[in-house]
Amino acid sequence: MEMFDLSLIWAAIIGFGVIMYVLMDGFDLGVGILFPFAPDEGSRDVMMNSVAPVWDGNETWLVLGGAGLLAAFPLVYAVFLPALYIGVFLMLAGLIFRGIAFEFRFKSHRNRRWWNRAFCWGSAVAAFAQGAVVGTYIQGFAVEDFVYVGGPLDWLTPFTILTGVGLMAGYALLGATWLIMKSEGHTQDWAYRLAPRLLLAVLAVFAVISLWTPFVDDYVRDRWFGQLHLIWIFPALALASAAWLWRSVQERREGQPFIATLGLFVFTYLGLVVSKWPVIVPPDYTLWEAASAPESQLFLLLGMLFVIPIVLAYTAWTYWIFRGKVREGEGYH
C-alpha cells in the first residue's frame, strides 16, 4: 500500500475510535453532570448503577484512538500536547476523580456527599476540557514547522469556553436520554422533563458556534460557503435528529430519544471533520504531512485490525448482559 492509502485508513480508524468514545463515554459523563440535579439519593443510585458496569470499557475507545493517533500521526502529538497540556491534564484529572467516585460512593456512608461531588465535578471538568480541546482545534493555534510557539493558555478563549460548555450540555442530553431508556418511575419522569430543556440549550449553543466559527477560521469559512451543497447536509441531518428527539420525548418513547441524540452527535462530528478535512494540525498541515513512515503504519495497522474486533465483541457482549432497566436497590455495589 502507498502512504496515501494507509494514512486514509488510519484516519478512518482514529475517527471511528473518537466517535465511539464520544458516544459511549459521553452518556456516562452526562449522567455525572446531572448528578446534583437528581430528585433524590435513590435516583442517584439508579443513575450510577446504570453506567457502572460499562463506563470503564467505554474508555477503551479513548485509549485506542489516542494510541492510534500517536502511532500513525506522531507529529500531531508533537504539536497538540505542548499547546494543550493544561486542557489534557484537566480532562485526565476529571476522569480520575470520576473513576474513584464509582468505586467509593457505594462503600461510603458518612462522606457520600463528597463522592457525589467528585463524580459530578470530575465528569463536568472532563467534558468541559474535551469541548475546549475541540474548540482549540477549530480556531487553530500558533505553529511553525510543526512546533507550537504559543503560550500555555492560548487554548482558553471565549470561543473554546463556549465549545466546552456546549459539549457539557450535549453530554448532559446524552445522559438524560440514557436515563429515559434505563430507568423508570420518578427518575425516568425527571429525565423526560429535563431532555427538552437540554436539547434547546444544545441547539442554542450549536447556533452560536455555527455563526461564530466562520469568523474564527478562514479555512472553515471558505469550505462552508465554497461547498455549500455538500457541507450543509450534515447540519441538516443533525437538525432532523433533533426534531426526532423532540417528538420522541413528547410521545414518551424510551429508546428513540437516546438513538436520536446519538444521531445528533454523529452528524455534528461528521460536519466538523468535513469542515477541516484534510487538515489535522491547524492551521494548514494535512494528515499526510503529519503521518509516520509507511512501514510503521502498516506494521501497527495489522495489530489494530486484530484488536478492534475484539473490543467491539466484548463491548457488545457487556451491553447485552446489562440490558434492561435499572431499579432502586439493584445494581452495582
C-alpha atoms as a PDB file:
ATOM      1  CA  MET A   1       0.000   0.000   0.000  1.00  0.00           C
ATOM      2  CA  GLU A   2       1.106   3.553  -0.556  1.00  0.00           C
ATOM      3  CA  MET A   3       1.322   6.012   2.270  1.00  0.00           C
ATOM      4  CA  PHE A   4      -1.714   7.829   0.886  1.00  0.00           C
ATOM      5  CA  ASP A   5      -3.918   4.793   1.349  1.00  0.00           C
ATOM      6  CA  LEU A   6      -2.501   3.913   4.773  1.00  0.00           C
ATOM      7  CA  SER A   7      -2.991   7.449   6.048  1.00  0.00           C
ATOM      8  CA  LEU A   8      -6.607   7.395   4.976  1.00  0.00           C
ATOM      9  CA  ILE A   9      -7.160   4.027   6.657  1.00  0.00           C
ATOM     10  CA  TRP A  10      -5.569   5.294   9.865  1.00  0.00           C
ATOM     11  CA  ALA A  11      -7.621   8.482   9.723  1.00  0.00           C
ATOM     12  CA  ALA A  12     -10.771   6.353   9.437  1.00  0.00           C
ATOM     13  CA  ILE A  13      -9.709   4.129  12.362  1.00  0.00           C
ATOM     14  CA  ILE A  14      -8.876   7.070  14.612  1.00  0.00           C
ATOM     15  CA  GLY A  15     -12.047   8.882  13.619  1.00  0.00           C
ATOM     16  CA  PHE A  16     -14.059   5.762  14.417  1.00  0.00           C
ATOM     17  CA  GLY A  17     -12.361   5.442  17.800  1.00  0.00           C
ATOM     18  CA  VAL A  18     -13.023   9.087  18.644  1.00  0.00           C
ATOM     19  CA  ILE A  19     -16.718   8.981  17.777  1.00  0.00           C
ATOM     20  CA  MET A  20     -17.157   5.688  19.626  1.00  0.00           C
ATOM     21  CA  TYR A  21     -15.608   7.265  22.712  1.00  0.00           C
ATOM     22  CA  VAL A  22     -17.753  10.396  22.432  1.00  0.00           C
ATOM     23  CA  LEU A  23     -20.949   8.376  22.062  1.00  0.00           C
ATOM     24  CA  MET A  24     -20.233   5.694  24.634  1.00  0.00           C
ATOM     25  CA  ASP A  25     -18.424   7.659  27.318  1.00  0.00           C
ATOM     26  CA  GLY A  26     -20.473  10.775  26.654  1.00  0.00           C
ATOM     27  CA  PHE A  27     -23.627   9.477  28.270  1.00  0.00           C
ATOM     28  CA  ASP A  28     -21.918   8.423  31.493  1.00  0.00           C
ATOM     29  CA  LEU A  29     -20.168  11.797  31.690  1.00  0.00           C
ATOM     30  CA  GLY A  30     -23.608  13.297  31.142  1.00  0.00           C
ATOM     31  CA  VAL A  31     -25.046  11.234  33.981  1.00  0.00           C
ATOM     32  CA  GLY A  32     -22.322  12.638  36.223  1.00  0.00           C
ATOM     33  CA  ILE A  33     -23.055  16.215  35.130  1.00  0.00           C
ATOM     34  CA  LEU A  34     -26.736  15.698  36.007  1.00  0.00           C
ATOM     35  CA  PHE A  35     -25.948  14.104  39.371  1.00  0.00           C
ATOM     36  CA  PRO A  36     -26.579  17.180  41.600  1.00  0.00           C
ATOM     37  CA  PHE A  37     -29.976  17.811  39.991  1.00  0.00           C
ATOM     38  CA  ALA A  38     -31.389  14.320  40.600  1.00  0.00           C
ATOM     39  CA  PRO A  39     -34.667  14.174  42.563  1.00  0.00           C
ATOM     40  CA  ASP A  40     -33.213  12.206  45.483  1.00  0.00           C
ATOM     41  CA  GLU A  41     -30.451   9.860  46.602  1.00  0.00           C
ATOM     42  CA  GLY A  42     -32.340   6.828  45.304  1.00  0.00           C
ATOM     43  CA  SER A  43     -32.323   8.345  41.824  1.00  0.00           C
ATOM     44  CA  ARG A  44     -28.582   8.940  42.132  1.00  0.00           C
ATOM     45  CA  ASP A  45     -28.132   5.256  42.956  1.00  0.00           C
ATOM     46  CA  VAL A  46     -30.061   4.353  39.811  1.00  0.00           C
ATOM     47  CA  MET A  47     -28.061   6.832  37.729  1.00  0.00           C
ATOM     48  CA  MET A  48     -24.714   5.470  38.853  1.00  0.00           C
ATOM     49  CA  ASN A  49     -25.845   1.850  38.594  1.00  0.00           C
ATOM     50  CA  SER A  50     -26.976   2.433  35.013  1.00  0.00           C
ATOM     51  CA  VAL A  51     -23.438   3.240  33.862  1.00  0.00           C
ATOM     52  CA  ALA A  52     -21.233   1.480  36.435  1.00  0.00           C
ATOM     53  CA  PRO A  53     -20.968  -1.854  34.539  1.00  0.00           C
ATOM     54  CA  VAL A  54     -19.881  -0.229  31.273  1.00  0.00           C
ATOM     55  CA  TRP A  55     -18.072   3.043  31.978  1.00  0.00           C
ATOM     56  CA  ASP A  56     -14.528   1.642  32.187  1.00  0.00           C
ATOM     57  CA  GLY A  57     -14.986  -0.376  28.988  1.00  0.00           C
ATOM     58  CA  ASN A  58     -16.240   2.764  27.232  1.00  0.00           C
ATOM     59  CA  GLU A  59     -12.928   4.488  27.943  1.00  0.00           C
ATOM     60  CA  THR A  60     -11.132   1.800  25.950  1.00  0.00           C
ATOM     61  CA  TRP A  61     -12.012   3.822  22.859  1.00  0.00           C
ATOM     62  CA  LEU A  62     -10.179   6.859  24.242  1.00  0.00           C
ATOM     63  CA  VAL A  63      -7.044   4.756  24.696  1.00  0.00           C
ATOM     64  CA  LEU A  64      -7.488   3.160  21.271  1.00  0.00           C
ATOM     65  CA  GLY A  65      -7.921   6.487  19.491  1.00  0.00           C
ATOM     66  CA  GLY A  66      -5.035   8.098  21.375  1.00  0.00           C
ATOM     67  CA  ALA A  67      -2.672   5.193  20.741  1.00  0.00           C
ATOM     68  CA  GLY A  68      -3.622   5.086  17.063  1.00  0.00           C
ATOM     69  CA  LEU A  69      -3.041   8.809  16.728  1.00  0.00           C
ATOM     70  CA  LEU A  70       0.425   8.522  18.271  1.00  0.00           C
ATOM     71  CA  ALA A  71       1.339   5.580  16.031  1.00  0.00           C
ATOM     72  CA  ALA A  72       0.050   6.948  12.738  1.00  0.00           C
ATOM     73  CA  PHE A  73       0.459  10.715  13.153  1.00  0.00           C
ATOM     74  CA  PRO A  74       3.192  11.322  15.762  1.00  0.00           C
ATOM     75  CA  LEU A  75       3.681  14.931  14.731  1.00  0.00           C
ATOM     76  CA  VAL A  76       0.155  15.661  15.945  1.00  0.00           C
ATOM     77  CA  TYR A  77       1.327  14.815  19.466  1.00  0.00           C
ATOM     78  CA  ALA A  78       4.414  16.976  18.997  1.00  0.00           C
ATOM     79  CA  VAL A  79       2.177  19.996  18.384  1.00  0.00           C
ATOM     80  CA  PHE A  80      -1.001  19.293  20.322  1.00  0.00           C
ATOM     81  CA  LEU A  81       0.428  18.295  23.695  1.00  0.00           C
ATOM     82  CA  PRO A  82       2.532  21.451  24.216  1.00  0.00           C
ATOM     83  CA  ALA A  83      -0.470  23.527  23.140  1.00  0.00           C
ATOM     84  CA  LEU A  84      -2.992  21.634  25.258  1.00  0.00           C
ATOM     85  CA  TYR A  85      -1.071  20.408  28.301  1.00  0.00           C
ATOM     86  CA  ILE A  86      -3.424  22.105  30.758  1.00  0.00           C
ATOM     87  CA  GLY A  87      -6.588  21.061  28.923  1.00  0.00           C
ATOM     88  CA  VAL A  88      -5.466  17.443  28.627  1.00  0.00           C
ATOM     89  CA  PHE A  89      -4.401  17.406  32.295  1.00  0.00           C
ATOM     90  CA  LEU A  90      -7.822  18.715  33.347  1.00  0.00           C
ATOM     91  CA  MET A  91      -9.542  16.036  31.288  1.00  0.00           C
ATOM     92  CA  LEU A  92      -7.461  13.238  32.797  1.00  0.00           C
ATOM     93  CA  ALA A  93      -7.883  14.623  36.319  1.00  0.00           C
ATOM     94  CA  GLY A  94     -11.650  14.732  35.828  1.00  0.00           C
ATOM     95  CA  LEU A  95     -11.730  11.164  34.549  1.00  0.00           C
ATOM     96  CA  ILE A  96      -9.655  10.016  37.539  1.00  0.00           C
ATOM     97  CA  PHE A  97     -11.945  11.708  40.056  1.00  0.00           C
ATOM     98  CA  ARG A  98     -14.980  10.210  38.365  1.00  0.00           C
ATOM     99  CA  GLY A  99     -13.435   6.732  38.350  1.00  0.00           C
ATOM    100  CA  ILE A 100     -12.582   6.906  42.047  1.00  0.00           C
ATOM    101  CA  ALA A 101     -16.128   8.031  42.834  1.00  0.00           C
ATOM    102  CA  PHE A 102     -17.514   4.938  41.091  1.00  0.00           C
ATOM    103  CA  GLU A 103     -15.581   2.686  43.417  1.00  0.00           C
ATOM    104  CA  PHE A 104     -16.044   4.525  46.715  1.00  0.00           C
ATOM    105  CA  ARG A 105     -19.500   6.100  46.642  1.00  0.00           C
ATOM    106  CA  PHE A 106     -21.432   2.920  47.415  1.00  0.00           C
ATOM    107  CA  LYS A 107     -18.970   1.945  50.144  1.00  0.00           C
ATOM    108  CA  SER A 108     -19.074   5.291  51.932  1.00  0.00           C
ATOM    109  CA  HIS A 109     -21.977   6.488  54.061  1.00  0.00           C
ATOM    110  CA  ARG A 110     -20.636   9.330  56.182  1.00  0.00           C
ATOM    111  CA  ASN A 111     -18.827  11.001  53.252  1.00  0.00           C
ATOM    112  CA  ARG A 112     -21.127  10.019  50.403  1.00  0.00           C
ATOM    113  CA  ARG A 113     -21.932  13.635  49.602  1.00  0.00           C
ATOM    114  CA  TRP A 114     -18.241  14.230  48.846  1.00  0.00           C
ATOM    115  CA  TRP A 115     -18.155  11.290  46.450  1.00  0.00           C
ATOM    116  CA  ASN A 116     -21.308  12.663  44.821  1.00  0.00           C
ATOM    117  CA  ARG A 117     -19.440  15.900  44.252  1.00  0.00           C
ATOM    118  CA  ALA A 118     -16.343  14.103  42.987  1.00  0.00           C
ATOM    119  CA  PHE A 119     -18.476  12.194  40.477  1.00  0.00           C
ATOM    120  CA  CYS A 120     -20.205  15.368  39.315  1.00  0.00           C
ATOM    121  CA  TRP A 121     -17.194  17.674  39.166  1.00  0.00           C
ATOM    122  CA  GLY A 122     -14.963  15.018  37.635  1.00  0.00           C
ATOM    123  CA  SER A 123     -17.495  14.450  34.869  1.00  0.00           C
ATOM    124  CA  ALA A 124     -18.085  18.172  34.322  1.00  0.00           C
ATOM    125  CA  VAL A 125     -14.382  19.058  34.170  1.00  0.00           C
ATOM    126  CA  ALA A 126     -13.602  16.186  31.785  1.00  0.00           C
ATOM    127  CA  ALA A 127     -16.489  17.156  29.490  1.00  0.00           C
ATOM    128  CA  PHE A 128     -15.556  20.842  29.506  1.00  0.00           C
ATOM    129  CA  ALA A 129     -11.901  20.058  28.753  1.00  0.00           C
ATOM    130  CA  GLN A 130     -12.865  17.848  25.825  1.00  0.00           C
ATOM    131  CA  GLY A 131     -15.096  20.555  24.390  1.00  0.00           C
ATOM    132  CA  ALA A 132     -12.408  23.202  24.847  1.00  0.00           C
ATOM    133  CA  VAL A 133      -9.874  20.989  23.046  1.00  0.00           C
ATOM    134  CA  VAL A 134     -12.299  20.640  20.118  1.00  0.00           C
ATOM    135  CA  GLY A 135     -12.758  24.406  20.083  1.00  0.00           C
ATOM    136  CA  THR A 136      -8.987  24.879  20.051  1.00  0.00           C
ATOM    137  CA  TYR A 137      -8.714  22.568  17.052  1.00  0.00           C
ATOM    138  CA  ILE A 138     -11.347  24.632  15.238  1.00  0.00           C
ATOM    139  CA  GLN A 139      -9.800  28.033  15.983  1.00  0.00           C
ATOM    140  CA  GLY A 140      -6.222  26.820  15.473  1.00  0.00           C
ATOM    141  CA  PHE A 141      -3.050  27.893  17.251  1.00  0.00           C
ATOM    142  CA  ALA A 142       0.405  29.245  16.530  1.00  0.00           C
ATOM    143  CA  VAL A 143       2.507  26.587  14.782  1.00  0.00           C
ATOM    144  CA  GLU A 144       5.792  26.985  12.938  1.00  0.00           C
ATOM    145  CA  ASP A 145       7.461  23.962  11.308  1.00  0.00           C
ATOM    146  CA  PHE A 146       5.390  21.569  13.428  1.00  0.00           C
ATOM    147  CA  VAL A 147       6.430  23.346  16.631  1.00  0.00           C
ATOM    148  CA  TYR A 148       3.933  25.075  18.899  1.00  0.00           C
ATOM    149  CA  VAL A 149       5.070  28.643  19.537  1.00  0.00           C
ATOM    150  CA  GLY A 150       2.131  29.953  21.561  1.00  0.00           C
ATOM    151  CA  GLY A 151       1.558  30.319  25.296  1.00  0.00           C
ATOM    152  CA  PRO A 152       0.215  27.774  27.821  1.00  0.00           C
ATOM    153  CA  LEU A 153      -3.227  29.402  27.997  1.00  0.00           C
ATOM    154  CA  ASP A 154      -3.739  30.252  24.324  1.00  0.00           C
ATOM    155  CA  TRP A 155      -6.219  27.366  24.138  1.00  0.00           C
ATOM    156  CA  LEU A 156      -8.547  29.099  26.606  1.00  0.00           C
ATOM    157  CA  THR A 157     -10.547  31.741  24.725  1.00  0.00           C
ATOM    158  CA  PRO A 158     -14.209  32.803  24.733  1.00  0.00           C
ATOM    159  CA  PHE A 159     -14.784  30.517  21.745  1.00  0.00           C
ATOM    160  CA  THR A 160     -13.274  27.440  23.412  1.00  0.00           C
ATOM    161  CA  ILE A 161     -15.150  28.187  26.635  1.00  0.00           C
ATOM    162  CA  LEU A 162     -18.359  28.156  24.600  1.00  0.00           C
ATOM    163  CA  THR A 163     -17.466  24.851  22.927  1.00  0.00           C
ATOM    164  CA  GLY A 164     -16.607  23.415  26.338  1.00  0.00           C
ATOM    165  CA  VAL A 165     -19.955  24.450  27.802  1.00  0.00           C
ATOM    166  CA  GLY A 166     -21.688  23.224  24.659  1.00  0.00           C
ATOM    167  CA  LEU A 167     -20.188  19.757  24.974  1.00  0.00           C
ATOM    168  CA  MET A 168     -21.187  19.665  28.644  1.00  0.00           C
ATOM    169  CA  ALA A 169     -24.785  20.394  27.595  1.00  0.00           C
ATOM    170  CA  GLY A 170     -24.570  17.768  24.843  1.00  0.00           C
ATOM    171  CA  TYR A 171     -23.259  15.122  27.214  1.00  0.00           C
ATOM    172  CA  ALA A 172     -25.956  16.027  29.730  1.00  0.00           C
ATOM    173  CA  LEU A 173     -28.528  15.487  26.963  1.00  0.00           C
ATOM    174  CA  LEU A 174     -26.991  12.091  26.208  1.00  0.00           C
ATOM    175  CA  GLY A 175     -27.167  11.280  29.920  1.00  0.00           C
ATOM    176  CA  ALA A 176     -30.815  12.314  30.186  1.00  0.00           C
ATOM    177  CA  THR A 177     -31.888  10.224  27.208  1.00  0.00           C
ATOM    178  CA  TRP A 178     -29.828   7.287  28.519  1.00  0.00           C
ATOM    179  CA  LEU A 179     -31.751   7.533  31.795  1.00  0.00           C
ATOM    180  CA  ILE A 180     -35.045   7.602  29.898  1.00  0.00           C
ATOM    181  CA  MET A 181     -34.062   4.281  28.392  1.00  0.00           C
ATOM    182  CA  LYS A 182     -32.550   2.700  31.511  1.00  0.00           C
ATOM    183  CA  SER A 183     -34.709   3.939  34.405  1.00  0.00           C
ATOM    184  CA  GLU A 184     -38.353   4.000  35.383  1.00  0.00           C
ATOM    185  CA  GLY A 185     -40.711   5.757  37.770  1.00  0.00           C
ATOM    186  CA  HIS A 186     -39.895   9.217  39.083  1.00  0.00           C
ATOM    187  CA  THR A 187     -36.288   9.065  37.826  1.00  0.00           C
ATOM    188  CA  GLN A 188     -37.485   8.473  34.275  1.00  0.00           C
ATOM    189  CA  ASP A 189     -40.142  11.190  34.612  1.00  0.00           C
ATOM    190  CA  TRP A 190     -37.455  13.640  35.713  1.00  0.00           C
ATOM    191  CA  ALA A 191     -35.287  12.697  32.709  1.00  0.00           C
ATOM    192  CA  TYR A 192     -38.261  13.190  30.376  1.00  0.00           C
ATOM    193  CA  ARG A 193     -38.766  16.702  31.741  1.00  0.00           C
ATOM    194  CA  LEU A 194     -35.089  17.533  31.501  1.00  0.00           C
ATOM    195  CA  ALA A 195     -34.394  16.311  27.957  1.00  0.00           C
ATOM    196  CA  PRO A 196     -36.306  19.035  26.016  1.00  0.00           C
ATOM    197  CA  ARG A 197     -34.641  21.804  28.032  1.00  0.00           C
ATOM    198  CA  LEU A 198     -31.210  20.357  27.398  1.00  0.00           C
ATOM    199  CA  LEU A 199     -31.992  19.952  23.702  1.00  0.00           C
ATOM    200  CA  LEU A 200     -32.901  23.644  23.451  1.00  0.00           C
ATOM    201  CA  ALA A 201     -29.656  24.557  25.238  1.00  0.00           C
ATOM    202  CA  VAL A 202     -27.626  22.380  22.859  1.00  0.00           C
ATOM    203  CA  LEU A 203     -29.318  23.871  19.794  1.00  0.00           C
ATOM    204  CA  ALA A 204     -28.746  27.399  21.091  1.00  0.00           C
ATOM    205  CA  VAL A 205     -25.022  26.741  21.601  1.00  0.00           C
ATOM    206  CA  PHE A 206     -24.859  24.947  18.247  1.00  0.00           C
ATOM    207  CA  ALA A 207     -26.352  28.019  16.534  1.00  0.00           C
ATOM    208  CA  VAL A 208     -23.936  30.446  18.199  1.00  0.00           C
ATOM    209  CA  ILE A 209     -20.904  28.263  17.406  1.00  0.00           C
ATOM    210  CA  SER A 210     -22.053  27.904  13.792  1.00  0.00           C
ATOM    211  CA  LEU A 211     -22.332  31.682  13.426  1.00  0.00           C
ATOM    212  CA  TRP A 212     -19.033  32.293  15.219  1.00  0.00           C
ATOM    213  CA  THR A 213     -16.860  29.661  13.525  1.00  0.00           C
ATOM    214  CA  PRO A 214     -16.532  31.383  10.096  1.00  0.00           C
ATOM    215  CA  PHE A 215     -15.050  34.404  11.885  1.00  0.00           C
ATOM    216  CA  VAL A 216     -12.605  32.207  13.824  1.00  0.00           C
ATOM    217  CA  ASP A 217     -11.257  30.045  10.983  1.00  0.00           C
ATOM    218  CA  ASP A 218     -10.886  31.295   7.409  1.00  0.00           C
ATOM    219  CA  TYR A 219     -10.377  27.737   6.135  1.00  0.00           C
ATOM    220  CA  VAL A 220     -13.723  26.598   7.539  1.00  0.00           C
ATOM    221  CA  ARG A 221     -15.455  29.698   6.170  1.00  0.00           C
ATOM    222  CA  ASP A 222     -14.139  29.009   2.678  1.00  0.00           C
ATOM    223  CA  ARG A 223     -15.071  25.341   2.937  1.00  0.00           C
ATOM    224  CA  TRP A 224     -18.591  26.054   4.212  1.00  0.00           C
ATOM    225  CA  PHE A 225     -19.526  28.634   1.636  1.00  0.00           C
ATOM    226  CA  GLY A 226     -17.440  27.210  -1.194  1.00  0.00           C
ATOM    227  CA  GLN A 227     -19.023  23.736  -0.977  1.00  0.00           C
ATOM    228  CA  LEU A 228     -22.432  24.660   0.342  1.00  0.00           C
ATOM    229  CA  HIS A 229     -24.236  21.763  -1.312  1.00  0.00           C
ATOM    230  CA  LEU A 230     -22.073  19.162   0.478  1.00  0.00           C
ATOM    231  CA  ILE A 231     -21.159  20.604   3.870  1.00  0.00           C
ATOM    232  CA  TRP A 232     -24.650  21.630   4.891  1.00  0.00           C
ATOM    233  CA  ILE A 233     -26.012  18.103   4.532  1.00  0.00           C
ATOM    234  CA  PHE A 234     -24.647  17.289   7.988  1.00  0.00           C
ATOM    235  CA  PRO A 235     -26.197  20.244   9.874  1.00  0.00           C
ATOM    236  CA  ALA A 236     -29.486  19.413   8.159  1.00  0.00           C
ATOM    237  CA  LEU A 237     -29.270  15.795   9.329  1.00  0.00           C
ATOM    238  CA  ALA A 238     -28.320  16.973  12.829  1.00  0.00           C
ATOM    239  CA  LEU A 239     -31.414  19.184  12.946  1.00  0.00           C
ATOM    240  CA  ALA A 240     -33.530  16.285  11.697  1.00  0.00           C
ATOM    241  CA  SER A 241     -32.156  14.184  14.580  1.00  0.00           C
ATOM    242  CA  ALA A 242     -33.037  16.995  16.991  1.00  0.00           C
ATOM    243  CA  ALA A 243     -36.600  17.073  15.644  1.00  0.00           C
ATOM    244  CA  TRP A 244     -36.859  13.292  16.035  1.00  0.00           C
ATOM    245  CA  LEU A 245     -35.567  13.599  19.587  1.00  0.00           C
ATOM    246  CA  TRP A 246     -38.124  16.277  20.476  1.00  0.00           C
ATOM    247  CA  ARG A 247     -41.013  14.295  19.026  1.00  0.00           C
ATOM    248  CA  SER A 248     -39.968  11.013  20.654  1.00  0.00           C
ATOM    249  CA  VAL A 249     -39.706  12.679  24.069  1.00  0.00           C
ATOM    250  CA  GLN A 250     -43.141  14.237  23.684  1.00  0.00           C
ATOM    251  CA  GLU A 251     -44.526  10.811  22.789  1.00  0.00           C
ATOM    252  CA  ARG A 252     -42.649   9.314  25.766  1.00  0.00           C
ATOM    253  CA  ARG A 253     -40.725   6.796  23.715  1.00  0.00           C
ATOM    254  CA  GLU A 254     -37.985   5.083  25.674  1.00  0.00           C
ATOM    255  CA  GLY A 255     -35.276   4.024  23.231  1.00  0.00           C
ATOM    256  CA  GLN A 256     -35.763   6.547  20.418  1.00  0.00           C
ATOM    257  CA  PRO A 257     -34.602   9.674  22.318  1.00  0.00           C
ATOM    258  CA  PHE A 258     -31.210   8.123  23.002  1.00  0.00           C
ATOM    259  CA  ILE A 259     -30.778   6.950  19.401  1.00  0.00           C
ATOM    260  CA  ALA A 260     -31.797  10.379  18.113  1.00  0.00           C
ATOM    261  CA  THR A 261     -29.239  12.028  20.404  1.00  0.00           C
ATOM    262  CA  LEU A 262     -26.559   9.682  19.079  1.00  0.00           C
ATOM    263  CA  GLY A 263     -27.533  10.790  15.572  1.00  0.00           C
ATOM    264  CA  LEU A 264     -27.246  14.437  16.606  1.00  0.00           C
ATOM    265  CA  PHE A 265     -23.689  13.832  17.811  1.00  0.00           C
ATOM    266  CA  VAL A 266     -22.658  11.732  14.800  1.00  0.00           C
ATOM    267  CA  PHE A 267     -23.788  14.265  12.202  1.00  0.00           C
ATOM    268  CA  THR A 268     -22.278  17.184  14.119  1.00  0.00           C
ATOM    269  CA  TYR A 269     -18.992  15.272  14.338  1.00  0.00           C
ATOM    270  CA  LEU A 270     -19.045  14.452  10.611  1.00  0.00           C
ATOM    271  CA  GLY A 271     -19.758  18.098   9.846  1.00  0.00           C
ATOM    272  CA  LEU A 272     -16.668  19.100  11.833  1.00  0.00           C
ATOM    273  CA  VAL A 273     -14.484  16.500  10.097  1.00  0.00           C
ATOM    274  CA  VAL A 274     -15.617  17.554   6.621  1.00  0.00           C
ATOM    275  CA  SER A 275     -15.169  21.241   7.502  1.00  0.00           C
ATOM    276  CA  LYS A 276     -11.494  20.760   8.416  1.00  0.00           C
ATOM    277  CA  TRP A 277     -10.572  17.932   6.024  1.00  0.00           C
ATOM    278  CA  PRO A 278      -7.748  17.124   5.334  1.00  0.00           C
ATOM    279  CA  VAL A 279      -6.139  19.473   7.881  1.00  0.00           C
ATOM    280  CA  ILE A 280      -5.077  17.580  11.008  1.00  0.00           C
ATOM    281  CA  VAL A 281      -2.767  20.177  12.601  1.00  0.00           C
ATOM    282  CA  PRO A 282      -4.042  23.741  12.397  1.00  0.00           C
ATOM    283  CA  PRO A 283      -3.622  25.995  10.625  1.00  0.00           C
ATOM    284  CA  ASP A 284      -2.800  24.096   7.407  1.00  0.00           C
ATOM    285  CA  TYR A 285      -0.854  20.855   7.954  1.00  0.00           C
ATOM    286  CA  THR A 286      -2.570  17.873   6.333  1.00  0.00           C
ATOM    287  CA  LEU A 287      -2.713  14.312   7.640  1.00  0.00           C
ATOM    288  CA  TRP A 288      -0.185  13.187   5.016  1.00  0.00           C
ATOM    289  CA  GLU A 289       2.338  15.755   6.233  1.00  0.00           C
ATOM    290  CA  ALA A 290       1.862  14.555   9.825  1.00  0.00           C
ATOM    291  CA  ALA A 291       1.934  10.819   9.039  1.00  0.00           C
ATOM    292  CA  SER A 292       4.581   8.382  10.238  1.00  0.00           C
ATOM    293  CA  ALA A 293       6.603   6.165   7.876  1.00  0.00           C
ATOM    294  CA  PRO A 294       4.508   3.792   5.711  1.00  0.00           C
ATOM    295  CA  GLU A 295       6.328   0.773   7.161  1.00  0.00           C
ATOM    296  CA  SER A 296       5.390   1.828  10.713  1.00  0.00           C
ATOM    297  CA  GLN A 297       1.799   2.445   9.713  1.00  0.00           C
ATOM    298  CA  LEU A 298       1.464  -0.947   8.064  1.00  0.00           C
ATOM    299  CA  PHE A 299       3.081  -2.838  10.964  1.00  0.00           C
ATOM    300  CA  LEU A 300       0.846  -1.210  13.565  1.00  0.00           C
ATOM    301  CA  LEU A 301      -2.227  -1.464  11.354  1.00  0.00           C
ATOM    302  CA  LEU A 302      -2.062  -5.257  11.423  1.00  0.00           C
ATOM    303  CA  GLY A 303      -2.220  -5.222  15.214  1.00  0.00           C
ATOM    304  CA  MET A 304      -5.024  -2.667  15.287  1.00  0.00           C
ATOM    305  CA  LEU A 305      -7.156  -4.684  12.877  1.00  0.00           C
ATOM    306  CA  PHE A 306      -6.822  -7.598  15.279  1.00  0.00           C
ATOM    307  CA  VAL A 307      -7.679  -5.574  18.393  1.00  0.00           C
ATOM    308  CA  ILE A 308     -10.703  -3.632  17.133  1.00  0.00           C
ATOM    309  CA  PRO A 309     -12.976  -6.682  16.503  1.00  0.00           C
ATOM    310  CA  ILE A 310     -12.160  -7.964  19.998  1.00  0.00           C
ATOM    311  CA  VAL A 311     -13.029  -4.619  21.566  1.00  0.00           C
ATOM    312  CA  LEU A 312     -16.268  -4.441  19.568  1.00  0.00           C
ATOM    313  CA  ALA A 313     -17.174  -8.012  20.590  1.00  0.00           C
ATOM    314  CA  TYR A 314     -16.685  -7.594  24.325  1.00  0.00           C
ATOM    315  CA  THR A 315     -18.359  -4.160  24.263  1.00  0.00           C
ATOM    316  CA  ALA A 316     -21.439  -5.615  22.562  1.00  0.00           C
ATOM    317  CA  TRP A 317     -21.441  -8.555  24.988  1.00  0.00           C
ATOM    318  CA  THR A 318     -21.254  -6.236  28.012  1.00  0.00           C
ATOM    319  CA  TYR A 319     -24.157  -4.106  26.851  1.00  0.00           C
ATOM    320  CA  TRP A 320     -26.175  -7.238  26.111  1.00  0.00           C
ATOM    321  CA  ILE A 321     -25.525  -8.697  29.565  1.00  0.00           C
ATOM    322  CA  PHE A 322     -26.519  -5.464  31.319  1.00  0.00           C
ATOM    323  CA  ARG A 323     -29.500  -4.654  29.119  1.00  0.00           C
ATOM    324  CA  GLY A 324     -32.851  -3.729  30.625  1.00  0.00           C
ATOM    325  CA  LYS A 325     -33.981  -1.356  33.336  1.00  0.00           C
ATOM    326  CA  VAL A 326     -32.067  -0.417  36.461  1.00  0.00           C
ATOM    327  CA  ARG A 327     -34.208  -0.305  39.599  1.00  0.00           C
ATOM    328  CA  GLU A 328     -33.618   1.154  43.034  1.00  0.00           C
ATOM    329  CA  GLY A 329     -31.952  -1.305  45.355  1.00  0.00           C
ATOM    330  CA  GLU A 330     -30.424  -3.275  42.487  1.00  0.00           C
ATOM    331  CA  GLY A 331     -27.204  -2.923  40.541  1.00  0.00           C
ATOM    332  CA  TYR A 332     -23.525  -2.343  41.114  1.00  0.00           C
ATOM    333  CA  HIS A 333     -22.319  -2.497  44.747  1.00  0.00           C
END
